[in-house]
Amino acid sequence: MIILGNVDDRNSEAVFPLSKNIFGKLFAGRGYISQPPFESLFKNGIQLITKLKT
């Protein structure tokens, strides 16, 4: 799933509806998903894959 650039995906209200049918791995930019949604995704069995910041 690709979302528009004007959606603030750091907001858990945006992340959870978008990820409710996802399982396995979710790829995203590291600076775009904050810690609370990351932890919640992990608890639901979704592994978040991000690029390392250099």
PDB file of N, CA and C in Angstrom:
ATOM      1  N   MET A   1       0.847  -1.163   0.000  1.00  0.00           N
ATOM      2  CA  MET A   1       0.000   0.000   0.000  1.00  0.00           C
ATOM      3  C   MET A   1       0.894   1.228   0.000  1.00  0.00           C
ATOM      4  N   ILE A   2       0.581   2.178  -0.847  1.00  0.00           N
ATOM      5  CA  ILE A   2       1.296   3.450  -0.892  1.00  0.00           C
ATOM      6  C   ILE A   2       0.306   4.538  -0.539  1.00  0.00           C
ATOM      7  N   ILE A   3       0.696   5.409   0.378  1.00  0.00           N
ATOM      8  CA  ILE A   3      -0.206   6.483   0.784  1.00  0.00           C
ATOM      9  C   ILE A   3       0.276   7.807   0.213  1.00  0.00           C
ATOM     10  N   LEU A   4      -0.614   8.744   0.126  1.00  0.00           N
ATOM     11  CA  LEU A   4      -0.284  10.067  -0.381  1.00  0.00           C
ATOM     12  C   LEU A   4       0.673  10.780   0.557  1.00  0.00           C
ATOM     13  N   GLY A   5       1.436  11.711   0.031  1.00  0.00           N
ATOM     14  CA  GLY A   5       2.406  12.445   0.830  1.00  0.00           C
ATOM     15  C   GLY A   5       1.784  13.382   1.837  1.00  0.00           C
ATOM     16  N   ASN A   6       0.498  13.709   1.675  1.00  0.00           N
ATOM     17  CA  ASN A   6      -0.118  14.655   2.603  1.00  0.00           C
ATOM     18  C   ASN A   6      -0.783  13.965   3.791  1.00  0.00           C
ATOM     19  N   VAL A   7      -0.564  12.668   3.973  1.00  0.00           N
ATOM     20  CA  VAL A   7      -1.090  11.934   5.122  1.00  0.00           C
ATOM     21  C   VAL A   7       0.013  11.841   6.167  1.00  0.00           C
ATOM     22  N   ASP A   8      -0.264  12.323   7.358  1.00  0.00           N
ATOM     23  CA  ASP A   8       0.720  12.267   8.438  1.00  0.00           C
ATOM     24  C   ASP A   8       0.678  10.880   9.059  1.00  0.00           C
ATOM     25  N   ASP A   9       1.542   9.986   8.590  1.00  0.00           N
ATOM     26  CA  ASP A   9       1.526   8.605   9.070  1.00  0.00           C
ATOM     27  C   ASP A   9       2.221   8.432  10.410  1.00  0.00           C
ATOM     28  N   ARG A  10       2.706   9.512  11.019  1.00  0.00           N
ATOM     29  CA  ARG A  10       3.225   9.428  12.386  1.00  0.00           C
ATOM     30  C   ARG A  10       2.078   9.381  13.380  1.00  0.00           C
ATOM     31  N   ASN A  11       0.907   9.773  12.943  1.00  0.00           N
ATOM     32  CA  ASN A  11      -0.292   9.790  13.772  1.00  0.00           C
ATOM     33  C   ASN A  11      -0.873   8.375  13.811  1.00  0.00           C
ATOM     34  N   SER A  12      -1.036   7.820  15.002  1.00  0.00           N
ATOM     35  CA  SER A  12      -1.535   6.448  15.111  1.00  0.00           C
ATOM     36  C   SER A  12      -2.943   6.301  14.550  1.00  0.00           C
ATOM     37  N   GLU A  13      -3.724   7.374  14.534  1.00  0.00           N
ATOM     38  CA  GLU A  13      -5.066   7.303  13.950  1.00  0.00           C
ATOM     39  C   GLU A  13      -5.002   7.070  12.449  1.00  0.00           C
ATOM     40  N   ALA A  14      -3.906   7.441  11.815  1.00  0.00           N
ATOM     41  CA  ALA A  14      -3.728   7.192  10.385  1.00  0.00           C
ATOM     42  C   ALA A  14      -3.082   5.837  10.137  1.00  0.00           C
ATOM     43  N   VAL A  15      -2.158   5.433  11.006  1.00  0.00           N
ATOM     44  CA  VAL A  15      -1.411   4.193  10.793  1.00  0.00           C
ATOM     45  C   VAL A  15      -2.282   2.962  10.969  1.00  0.00           C
ATOM     46  N   PHE A  16      -3.081   2.908  12.014  1.00  0.00           N
ATOM     47  CA  PHE A  16      -3.813   1.682  12.318  1.00  0.00           C
ATOM     48  C   PHE A  16      -4.863   1.310  11.272  1.00  0.00           C
ATOM     49  N   PRO A  17      -5.687   2.235  10.775  1.00  0.00           N
ATOM     50  CA  PRO A  17      -6.619   1.837   9.712  1.00  0.00           C
ATOM     51  C   PRO A  17      -5.897   1.388   8.441  1.00  0.00           C
ATOM     52  N   LEU A  18      -4.766   2.008   8.136  1.00  0.00           N
ATOM     53  CA  LEU A  18      -4.017   1.635   6.939  1.00  0.00           C
ATOM     54  C   LEU A  18      -3.366   0.266   7.071  1.00  0.00           C
ATOM     55  N   SER A  19      -3.052  -0.142   8.294  1.00  0.00           N
ATOM     56  CA  SER A  19      -2.308  -1.386   8.494  1.00  0.00           C
ATOM     57  C   SER A  19      -3.164  -2.529   9.031  1.00  0.00           C
ATOM     58  N   LYS A  20      -4.469  -2.361   9.115  1.00  0.00           N
ATOM     59  CA  LYS A  20      -5.287  -3.401   9.747  1.00  0.00           C
ATOM     60  C   LYS A  20      -5.332  -4.700   8.944  1.00  0.00           C
ATOM     61  N   ASN A  21      -5.135  -4.646   7.632  1.00  0.00           N
ATOM     62  CA  ASN A  21      -5.160  -5.856   6.806  1.00  0.00           C
ATOM     63  C   ASN A  21      -3.768  -6.300   6.386  1.00  0.00           C
ATOM     64  N   ILE A  22      -2.752  -5.725   6.995  1.00  0.00           N
ATOM     65  CA  ILE A  22      -1.367  -6.061   6.660  1.00  0.00           C
ATOM     66  C   ILE A  22      -0.852  -7.101   7.644  1.00  0.00           C
ATOM     67  N   PHE A  23      -0.053  -8.030   7.137  1.00  0.00           N
ATOM     68  CA  PHE A  23       0.615  -8.987   8.009  1.00  0.00           C
ATOM     69  C   PHE A  23       2.035  -9.168   7.495  1.00  0.00           C
ATOM     70  N   GLY A  24       2.919  -9.586   8.370  1.00  0.00           N
ATOM     71  CA  GLY A  24       4.296  -9.819   7.959  1.00  0.00           C
ATOM     72  C   GLY A  24       5.171  -8.597   8.114  1.00  0.00           C
ATOM     73  N   LYS A  25       5.525  -7.987   6.976  1.00  0.00           N
ATOM     74  CA  LYS A  25       6.474  -6.878   6.990  1.00  0.00           C
ATOM     75  C   LYS A  25       5.851  -5.617   6.406  1.00  0.00           C
ATOM     76  N   LEU A  26       6.239  -4.477   6.981  1.00  0.00           N
ATOM     77  CA  LEU A  26       5.797  -3.165   6.513  1.00  0.00           C
ATOM     78  C   LEU A  26       7.056  -2.338   6.298  1.00  0.00           C
ATOM     79  N   PHE A  27       7.224  -1.797   5.095  1.00  0.00           N
ATOM     80  CA  PHE A  27       8.406  -1.008   4.756  1.00  0.00           C
ATOM     81  C   PHE A  27       8.053   0.465   4.812  1.00  0.00           C
ATOM     82  N   ALA A  28       8.904   1.248   5.491  1.00  0.00           N
ATOM     83  CA  ALA A  28       8.635   2.681   5.644  1.00  0.00           C
ATOM     84  C   ALA A  28       9.933   3.418   5.916  1.00  0.00           C
ATOM     85  N   GLY A  29       9.903   4.728   5.703  1.00  0.00           N
ATOM     86  CA  GLY A  29      11.036   5.570   6.056  1.00  0.00           C
ATOM     87  C   GLY A  29      11.110   5.715   7.568  1.00  0.00           C
ATOM     88  N   ARG A  30      12.293   5.653   8.124  1.00  0.00           N
ATOM     89  CA  ARG A  30      12.458   5.646   9.577  1.00  0.00           C
ATOM     90  C   ARG A  30      11.892   6.889  10.245  1.00  0.00           C
ATOM     91  N   GLY A  31      12.038   8.042   9.650  1.00  0.00           N
ATOM     92  CA  GLY A  31      11.582   9.272  10.271  1.00  0.00           C
ATOM     93  C   GLY A  31      10.093   9.490  10.186  1.00  0.00           C
ATOM     94  N   TYR A  32       9.381   8.593   9.554  1.00  0.00           N
ATOM     95  CA  TYR A  32       7.968   8.830   9.288  1.00  0.00           C
ATOM     96  C   TYR A  32       7.014   8.089  10.209  1.00  0.00           C
ATOM     97  N   ILE A  33       7.504   7.140  10.978  1.00  0.00           N
ATOM     98  CA  ILE A  33       6.630   6.424  11.909  1.00  0.00           C
ATOM     99  C   ILE A  33       7.232   6.547  13.302  1.00  0.00           C
ATOM    100  N   SER A  34       6.459   7.084  14.232  1.00  0.00           N
ATOM    101  CA  SER A  34       6.966   7.311  15.586  1.00  0.00           C
ATOM    102  C   SER A  34       6.936   6.022  16.404  1.00  0.00           C
ATOM    103  N   GLN A  35       7.507   6.059  17.587  1.00  0.00           N
ATOM    104  CA  GLN A  35       7.668   4.871  18.427  1.00  0.00           C
ATOM    105  C   GLN A  35       6.355   4.202  18.847  1.00  0.00           C
ATOM    106  N   PRO A  36       5.339   4.926  19.331  1.00  0.00           N
ATOM    107  CA  PRO A  36       4.117   4.221  19.756  1.00  0.00           C
ATOM    108  C   PRO A  36       3.449   3.395  18.650  1.00  0.00           C
ATOM    109  N   PRO A  37       3.266   3.930  17.431  1.00  0.00           N
ATOM    110  CA  PRO A  37       2.704   3.072  16.382  1.00  0.00           C
ATOM    111  C   PRO A  37       3.630   1.911  16.037  1.00  0.00           C
ATOM    112  N   PHE A  38       4.941   2.121  16.068  1.00  0.00           N
ATOM    113  CA  PHE A  38       5.897   1.054  15.798  1.00  0.00           C
ATOM    114  C   PHE A  38       5.697  -0.096  16.773  1.00  0.00           C
ATOM    115  N   GLU A  39       5.593   0.217  18.063  1.00  0.00           N
ATOM    116  CA  GLU A  39       5.414  -0.818  19.084  1.00  0.00           C
ATOM    117  C   GLU A  39       4.085  -1.539  18.921  1.00  0.00           C
ATOM    118  N   SER A  40       3.047  -0.808  18.602  1.00  0.00           N
ATOM    119  CA  SER A  40       1.737  -1.421  18.419  1.00  0.00           C
ATOM    120  C   SER A  40       1.728  -2.346  17.205  1.00  0.00           C
ATOM    121  N   LEU A  41       2.367  -1.928  16.127  1.00  0.00           N
ATOM    122  CA  LEU A  41       2.465  -2.787  14.944  1.00  0.00           C
ATOM    123  C   LEU A  41       3.198  -4.073  15.296  1.00  0.00           C
ATOM    124  N   PHE A  42       4.286  -3.960  16.049  1.00  0.00           N
ATOM    125  CA  PHE A  42       5.070  -5.123  16.438  1.00  0.00           C
ATOM    126  C   PHE A  42       4.240  -6.085  17.282  1.00  0.00           C
ATOM    127  N   LYS A  43       3.443  -5.550  18.201  1.00  0.00           N
ATOM    128  CA  LYS A  43       2.584  -6.390  19.043  1.00  0.00           C
ATOM    129  C   LYS A  43       1.540  -7.128  18.214  1.00  0.00           C
ATOM    130  N   ASN A  44       1.176  -6.547  17.066  1.00  0.00           N
ATOM    131  CA  ASN A  44       0.198  -7.180  16.176  1.00  0.00           C
ATOM    132  C   ASN A  44       0.856  -8.084  15.141  1.00  0.00           C
ATOM    133  N   GLY A  45       2.153  -8.358  15.310  1.00  0.00           N
ATOM    134  CA  GLY A  45       2.839  -9.299  14.432  1.00  0.00           C
ATOM    135  C   GLY A  45       3.356  -8.697  13.141  1.00  0.00           C
ATOM    136  N   ILE A  46       3.465  -7.371  13.083  1.00  0.00           N
ATOM    137  CA  ILE A  46       3.954  -6.712  11.880  1.00  0.00           C
ATOM    138  C   ILE A  46       5.368  -6.215  12.146  1.00  0.00           C
ATOM    139  N   GLN A  47       6.302  -6.661  11.325  1.00  0.00           N
ATOM    140  CA  GLN A  47       7.690  -6.236  11.465  1.00  0.00           C
ATOM    141  C   GLN A  47       7.903  -5.012  10.584  1.00  0.00           C
ATOM    142  N   LEU A  48       8.311  -3.903  11.180  1.00  0.00           N
ATOM    143  CA  LEU A  48       8.551  -2.664  10.449  1.00  0.00           C
ATOM    144  C   LEU A  48       9.991  -2.644   9.962  1.00  0.00           C
ATOM    145  N   ILE A  49      10.173  -2.516   8.656  1.00  0.00           N
ATOM    146  CA  ILE A  49      11.492  -2.471   8.041  1.00  0.00           C
ATOM    147  C   ILE A  49      11.749  -1.034   7.607  1.00  0.00           C
ATOM    148  N   THR A  50      12.858  -0.459   8.084  1.00  0.00           N
ATOM    149  CA  THR A  50      13.196   0.924   7.738  1.00  0.00           C
ATOM    150  C   THR A  50      14.633   1.000   7.252  1.00  0.00           C
ATOM    151  N   LYS A  51      14.919   2.032   6.514  1.00  0.00           N
ATOM    152  CA  LYS A  51      16.284   2.294   6.081  1.00  0.00           C
ATOM    153  C   LYS A  51      17.029   2.938   7.248  1.00  0.00           C
ATOM    154  N   LEU A  52      18.270   2.560   7.442  1.00  0.00           N
ATOM    155  CA  LEU A  52      19.078   3.160   8.495  1.00  0.00           C
ATOM    156  C   LEU A  52      19.391   4.603   8.148  1.00  0.00           C
ATOM    157  N   LYS A  53      19.301   5.475   9.139  1.00  0.00           N
ATOM    158  CA  LYS A  53      19.705   6.865   8.933  1.00  0.00           C
ATOM    159  C   LYS A  53      21.217   6.947   9.028  1.00  0.00           C
ATOM    160  N   THR A  54      21.813   7.688   8.125  1.00  0.00           N
ATOM    161  CA  THR A  54      23.276   7.815   8.147  1.00  0.00           C
ATOM    162  C   THR A  54      23.684   9.209   8.535  1.00  0.00           C
TER     163      THR A  54
END
